[in-house]
Amino acid sequence: MISITTLGIKALPNIISISRLLICIGFVFYGNIPATVGQSLILFVAAATDLFDGWLARKLNATSHLGAILDTWSDKAFALLLIVKLTISNNLPISLLLLITIQYLMLPIVGWIYWKRFSRFPVPNSLTKIAAFAAYMTVFVGVTFADKFITVLLGLLIVLLNFAHIATRLFAKST
């Protein structure tokens, strides 16, 4: 069996990123909408690990390209899987799910374009963090309270923030 001591303490941030994704997958299959208090608390803690894993990686001097990719994709998958759950439970229109999915699929393409222009990958900026926060708020409010109107409004906010994020990357000047 593989343990943290086998992998080394520096693997802990990546393990946290992966655990966020596993918690989300479990909720998609076994969670309720509206979520129970316990389920909401678990999702809140899982979302909070998004802040913790990056901080821990920097603190342990364990940042890596793999860790950055794991963190980014765990964040997107966490939000997207919960948005799928909201769509299946009829709390979010499928058109909004498709729009958000298309935007998330565009992000690697935009990153590649940025890399071709500047020979480096884009560093997350304030807009990136605001868009991620909006995604977490959308799924948390939608899953916890099952209020379709507020969930749709927050979902539209995700769409607007993601379009702004994509535009800032496509039209960026080297810094």
C-alpha atoms as a PDB file:
ATOM      1  CA  MET A   1       0.000   0.000   0.000  1.00  0.00           C
ATOM      2  CA  ILE A   2       1.250   3.481  -0.846  1.00  0.00           C
ATOM      3  CA  SER A   3       1.360   5.931   2.050  1.00  0.00           C
ATOM      4  CA  ILE A   4       2.315   9.585   2.434  1.00  0.00           C
ATOM      5  CA  THR A   5       5.606   8.551   4.026  1.00  0.00           C
ATOM      6  CA  THR A   6       6.348   6.383   0.974  1.00  0.00           C
ATOM      7  CA  LEU A   7       5.560   9.224  -1.419  1.00  0.00           C
ATOM      8  CA  GLY A   8       7.107  11.896   0.770  1.00  0.00           C
ATOM      9  CA  ILE A   9       5.520  14.875   2.467  1.00  0.00           C
ATOM     10  CA  LYS A  10       5.991  16.899  -0.726  1.00  0.00           C
ATOM     11  CA  ALA A  11       3.310  14.773  -2.418  1.00  0.00           C
ATOM     12  CA  LEU A  12       0.677  15.989   0.072  1.00  0.00           C
ATOM     13  CA  PRO A  13      -0.520  19.001  -2.010  1.00  0.00           C
ATOM     14  CA  ASN A  14      -1.147  16.716  -5.012  1.00  0.00           C
ATOM     15  CA  ILE A  15      -2.962  14.204  -2.807  1.00  0.00           C
ATOM     16  CA  ILE A  16      -5.190  17.041  -1.556  1.00  0.00           C
ATOM     17  CA  SER A  17      -5.984  18.095  -5.154  1.00  0.00           C
ATOM     18  CA  ILE A  18      -6.913  14.527  -6.083  1.00  0.00           C
ATOM     19  CA  SER A  19      -9.019  14.102  -2.925  1.00  0.00           C
ATOM     20  CA  ARG A  20     -11.089  17.159  -3.925  1.00  0.00           C
ATOM     21  CA  LEU A  21     -11.950  15.434  -7.173  1.00  0.00           C
ATOM     22  CA  LEU A  22     -12.777  12.117  -5.475  1.00  0.00           C
ATOM     23  CA  ILE A  23     -15.096  13.838  -2.979  1.00  0.00           C
ATOM     24  CA  CYS A  24     -16.912  15.509  -5.847  1.00  0.00           C
ATOM     25  CA  ILE A  25     -17.323  12.261  -7.778  1.00  0.00           C
ATOM     26  CA  GLY A  26     -18.759  10.637  -4.652  1.00  0.00           C
ATOM     27  CA  PHE A  27     -21.241  13.487  -4.256  1.00  0.00           C
ATOM     28  CA  VAL A  28     -22.348  13.276  -7.891  1.00  0.00           C
ATOM     29  CA  PHE A  29     -23.319   9.633  -7.385  1.00  0.00           C
ATOM     30  CA  TYR A  30     -24.509   9.648  -3.768  1.00  0.00           C
ATOM     31  CA  GLY A  31     -25.294  13.253  -2.817  1.00  0.00           C
ATOM     32  CA  ASN A  32     -28.694  14.869  -2.492  1.00  0.00           C
ATOM     33  CA  ILE A  33     -30.015  18.139  -3.873  1.00  0.00           C
ATOM     34  CA  PRO A  34     -30.623  20.013  -1.705  1.00  0.00           C
ATOM     35  CA  ALA A  35     -27.615  18.613   0.122  1.00  0.00           C
ATOM     36  CA  THR A  36     -27.805  17.606   3.741  1.00  0.00           C
ATOM     37  CA  VAL A  37     -25.876  19.727   6.243  1.00  0.00           C
ATOM     38  CA  GLY A  38     -23.148  17.083   6.398  1.00  0.00           C
ATOM     39  CA  GLN A  39     -22.864  16.882   2.614  1.00  0.00           C
ATOM     40  CA  SER A  40     -22.714  20.688   2.380  1.00  0.00           C
ATOM     41  CA  LEU A  41     -19.958  20.776   4.976  1.00  0.00           C
ATOM     42  CA  ILE A  42     -17.948  18.129   3.119  1.00  0.00           C
ATOM     43  CA  LEU A  43     -18.310  20.057  -0.164  1.00  0.00           C
ATOM     44  CA  PHE A  44     -17.310  23.298   1.565  1.00  0.00           C
ATOM     45  CA  VAL A  45     -14.180  21.680   2.996  1.00  0.00           C
ATOM     46  CA  ALA A  46     -13.377  20.147  -0.407  1.00  0.00           C
ATOM     47  CA  ALA A  47     -13.715  23.570  -2.055  1.00  0.00           C
ATOM     48  CA  ALA A  48     -11.529  25.125   0.651  1.00  0.00           C
ATOM     49  CA  THR A  49      -8.765  22.663  -0.214  1.00  0.00           C
ATOM     50  CA  ASP A  50      -8.415  24.614  -3.459  1.00  0.00           C
ATOM     51  CA  LEU A  51      -6.809  27.409  -1.438  1.00  0.00           C
ATOM     52  CA  PHE A  52      -4.897  25.080   0.843  1.00  0.00           C
ATOM     53  CA  ASP A  53      -3.142  22.799  -1.657  1.00  0.00           C
ATOM     54  CA  GLY A  54      -1.375  25.616  -3.504  1.00  0.00           C
ATOM     55  CA  TRP A  55      -0.372  27.330  -0.263  1.00  0.00           C
ATOM     56  CA  LEU A  56       0.942  24.044   1.135  1.00  0.00           C
ATOM     57  CA  ALA A  57       2.920  23.327  -2.035  1.00  0.00           C
ATOM     58  CA  ARG A  58       4.610  26.724  -1.782  1.00  0.00           C
ATOM     59  CA  LYS A  59       5.224  26.295   1.965  1.00  0.00           C
ATOM     60  CA  LEU A  60       6.804  22.851   1.468  1.00  0.00           C
ATOM     61  CA  ASN A  61       8.726  24.082  -1.573  1.00  0.00           C
ATOM     62  CA  ALA A  62       6.928  21.318  -3.482  1.00  0.00           C
ATOM     63  CA  THR A  63       5.494  23.276  -6.408  1.00  0.00           C
ATOM     64  CA  SER A  64       5.635  21.397  -9.686  1.00  0.00           C
ATOM     65  CA  HIS A  65       4.243  21.478 -13.191  1.00  0.00           C
ATOM     66  CA  LEU A  66       2.271  18.299 -12.407  1.00  0.00           C
ATOM     67  CA  GLY A  67       0.891  19.890  -9.231  1.00  0.00           C
ATOM     68  CA  ALA A  68      -0.225  23.004 -11.108  1.00  0.00           C
ATOM     69  CA  ILE A  69      -1.985  20.858 -13.716  1.00  0.00           C
ATOM     70  CA  LEU A  70      -3.602  18.629 -11.060  1.00  0.00           C
ATOM     71  CA  ASP A  71      -4.806  21.667  -9.114  1.00  0.00           C
ATOM     72  CA  THR A  72      -6.236  23.416 -12.175  1.00  0.00           C
ATOM     73  CA  TRP A  73      -7.988  20.349 -13.553  1.00  0.00           C
ATOM     74  CA  SER A  74      -9.283  19.309 -10.131  1.00  0.00           C
ATOM     75  CA  ASP A  75     -10.794  22.789  -9.741  1.00  0.00           C
ATOM     76  CA  LYS A  76     -12.480  22.687 -13.142  1.00  0.00           C
ATOM     77  CA  ALA A  77     -13.662  19.088 -12.750  1.00  0.00           C
ATOM     78  CA  PHE A  78     -15.000  19.819  -9.247  1.00  0.00           C
ATOM     79  CA  ALA A  79     -17.115  22.707 -10.516  1.00  0.00           C
ATOM     80  CA  LEU A  80     -18.149  21.002 -13.747  1.00  0.00           C
ATOM     81  CA  LEU A  81     -19.195  17.718 -12.126  1.00  0.00           C
ATOM     82  CA  LEU A  82     -21.347  19.583  -9.617  1.00  0.00           C
ATOM     83  CA  ILE A  83     -22.826  21.682 -12.426  1.00  0.00           C
ATOM     84  CA  VAL A  84     -23.698  18.407 -14.186  1.00  0.00           C
ATOM     85  CA  LYS A  85     -25.363  17.224 -10.950  1.00  0.00           C
ATOM     86  CA  LEU A  86     -27.363  20.489 -10.819  1.00  0.00           C
ATOM     87  CA  THR A  87     -28.402  20.040 -14.456  1.00  0.00           C
ATOM     88  CA  ILE A  88     -29.477  16.431 -13.897  1.00  0.00           C
ATOM     89  CA  SER A  89     -31.541  17.523 -10.881  1.00  0.00           C
ATOM     90  CA  ASN A  90     -33.199  20.173 -13.077  1.00  0.00           C
ATOM     91  CA  ASN A  91     -31.738  23.119 -11.144  1.00  0.00           C
ATOM     92  CA  LEU A  92     -29.662  24.432 -14.041  1.00  0.00           C
ATOM     93  CA  PRO A  93     -30.597  24.521 -17.729  1.00  0.00           C
ATOM     94  CA  ILE A  94     -28.639  22.240 -20.041  1.00  0.00           C
ATOM     95  CA  SER A  95     -27.795  25.223 -22.265  1.00  0.00           C
ATOM     96  CA  LEU A  96     -25.852  26.798 -19.388  1.00  0.00           C
ATOM     97  CA  LEU A  97     -24.087  23.495 -18.718  1.00  0.00           C
ATOM     98  CA  LEU A  98     -23.055  23.300 -22.381  1.00  0.00           C
ATOM     99  CA  LEU A  99     -21.844  26.909 -22.427  1.00  0.00           C
ATOM    100  CA  ILE A 100     -19.732  26.444 -19.294  1.00  0.00           C
ATOM    101  CA  THR A 101     -18.361  23.130 -20.616  1.00  0.00           C
ATOM    102  CA  ILE A 102     -17.345  24.739 -23.916  1.00  0.00           C
ATOM    103  CA  GLN A 103     -15.599  27.531 -22.028  1.00  0.00           C
ATOM    104  CA  TYR A 104     -13.717  25.080 -19.829  1.00  0.00           C
ATOM    105  CA  LEU A 105     -12.655  23.156 -22.933  1.00  0.00           C
ATOM    106  CA  MET A 106     -11.429  26.414 -24.508  1.00  0.00           C
ATOM    107  CA  LEU A 107      -9.055  27.169 -21.620  1.00  0.00           C
ATOM    108  CA  PRO A 108      -6.290  24.726 -22.700  1.00  0.00           C
ATOM    109  CA  ILE A 109      -6.502  26.099 -26.250  1.00  0.00           C
ATOM    110  CA  VAL A 110      -6.178  29.645 -24.944  1.00  0.00           C
ATOM    111  CA  GLY A 111      -3.259  28.549 -22.751  1.00  0.00           C
ATOM    112  CA  TRP A 112      -1.556  27.034 -25.788  1.00  0.00           C
ATOM    113  CA  ILE A 113      -2.067  30.246 -27.805  1.00  0.00           C
ATOM    114  CA  TYR A 114      -0.606  32.239 -24.904  1.00  0.00           C
ATOM    115  CA  TRP A 115       2.355  29.861 -24.731  1.00  0.00           C
ATOM    116  CA  LYS A 116       2.986  30.195 -28.478  1.00  0.00           C
ATOM    117  CA  ARG A 117       2.985  34.000 -28.163  1.00  0.00           C
ATOM    118  CA  PHE A 118       5.067  34.378 -24.995  1.00  0.00           C
ATOM    119  CA  SER A 119       6.937  31.032 -24.631  1.00  0.00           C
ATOM    120  CA  ARG A 120       5.408  30.471 -21.197  1.00  0.00           C
ATOM    121  CA  PHE A 121       2.080  29.454 -19.765  1.00  0.00           C
ATOM    122  CA  PRO A 122      -0.195  32.105 -18.268  1.00  0.00           C
ATOM    123  CA  VAL A 123       0.000  32.637 -14.535  1.00  0.00           C
ATOM    124  CA  PRO A 124      -3.357  32.722 -12.728  1.00  0.00           C
ATOM    125  CA  ASN A 125      -4.458  36.303 -12.119  1.00  0.00           C
ATOM    126  CA  SER A 126      -7.203  37.964 -10.071  1.00  0.00           C
ATOM    127  CA  LEU A 127      -9.811  37.270 -12.754  1.00  0.00           C
ATOM    128  CA  THR A 128      -8.884  33.576 -12.682  1.00  0.00           C
ATOM    129  CA  LYS A 129      -9.435  33.453  -8.931  1.00  0.00           C
ATOM    130  CA  ILE A 130     -12.718  35.420  -9.127  1.00  0.00           C
ATOM    131  CA  ALA A 131     -14.038  33.082 -11.854  1.00  0.00           C
ATOM    132  CA  ALA A 132     -13.112  30.037  -9.752  1.00  0.00           C
ATOM    133  CA  PHE A 133     -14.797  31.573  -6.694  1.00  0.00           C
ATOM    134  CA  ALA A 134     -17.958  32.260  -8.742  1.00  0.00           C
ATOM    135  CA  ALA A 135     -17.969  28.646  -9.925  1.00  0.00           C
ATOM    136  CA  TYR A 136     -17.646  27.368  -6.353  1.00  0.00           C
ATOM    137  CA  MET A 137     -20.387  29.723  -5.134  1.00  0.00           C
ATOM    138  CA  THR A 138     -22.694  28.615  -7.941  1.00  0.00           C
ATOM    139  CA  VAL A 139     -22.344  24.941  -7.183  1.00  0.00           C
ATOM    140  CA  PHE A 140     -22.390  25.431  -3.418  1.00  0.00           C
ATOM    141  CA  VAL A 141     -25.552  27.577  -3.457  1.00  0.00           C
ATOM    142  CA  GLY A 142     -27.176  25.359  -6.085  1.00  0.00           C
ATOM    143  CA  VAL A 143     -26.373  22.115  -4.305  1.00  0.00           C
ATOM    144  CA  THR A 144     -27.099  23.378  -0.791  1.00  0.00           C
ATOM    145  CA  PHE A 145     -30.242  25.429  -1.343  1.00  0.00           C
ATOM    146  CA  ALA A 146     -31.501  24.113  -4.699  1.00  0.00           C
ATOM    147  CA  ASP A 147     -32.721  27.603  -5.625  1.00  0.00           C
ATOM    148  CA  LYS A 148     -32.950  27.461  -9.407  1.00  0.00           C
ATOM    149  CA  PHE A 149     -33.188  31.235  -9.976  1.00  0.00           C
ATOM    150  CA  ILE A 150     -30.090  32.126  -7.942  1.00  0.00           C
ATOM    151  CA  THR A 151     -28.187  29.147  -9.354  1.00  0.00           C
ATOM    152  CA  VAL A 152     -28.911  30.262 -12.927  1.00  0.00           C
ATOM    153  CA  LEU A 153     -27.870  33.850 -12.129  1.00  0.00           C
ATOM    154  CA  LEU A 154     -24.606  32.643 -10.608  1.00  0.00           C
ATOM    155  CA  GLY A 155     -24.119  30.309 -13.578  1.00  0.00           C
ATOM    156  CA  LEU A 156     -24.444  33.282 -15.918  1.00  0.00           C
ATOM    157  CA  LEU A 157     -21.832  35.068 -13.814  1.00  0.00           C
ATOM    158  CA  ILE A 158     -19.467  32.127 -14.400  1.00  0.00           C
ATOM    159  CA  VAL A 159     -20.054  32.446 -18.142  1.00  0.00           C
ATOM    160  CA  LEU A 160     -19.323  36.187 -18.142  1.00  0.00           C
ATOM    161  CA  LEU A 161     -16.208  35.816 -15.991  1.00  0.00           C
ATOM    162  CA  ASN A 162     -14.898  32.957 -18.122  1.00  0.00           C
ATOM    163  CA  PHE A 163     -15.396  34.988 -21.311  1.00  0.00           C
ATOM    164  CA  ALA A 164     -13.525  37.894 -19.692  1.00  0.00           C
ATOM    165  CA  HIS A 165     -10.773  35.510 -18.555  1.00  0.00           C
ATOM    166  CA  ILE A 166     -10.424  34.024 -22.041  1.00  0.00           C
ATOM    167  CA  ALA A 167     -10.370  37.491 -23.631  1.00  0.00           C
ATOM    168  CA  THR A 168      -7.646  38.742 -21.277  1.00  0.00           C
ATOM    169  CA  ARG A 169      -5.482  35.765 -22.229  1.00  0.00           C
ATOM    170  CA  LEU A 170      -6.086  36.060 -25.974  1.00  0.00           C
ATOM    171  CA  PHE A 171      -5.397  39.796 -26.085  1.00  0.00           C
ATOM    172  CA  ALA A 172      -2.663  39.868 -23.439  1.00  0.00           C
ATOM    173  CA  LYS A 173       0.578  41.727 -23.799  1.00  0.00           C
ATOM    174  CA  SER A 174       3.701  40.126 -22.404  1.00  0.00           C
ATOM    175  CA  THR A 175       4.464  41.186 -18.839  1.00  0.00           C
END
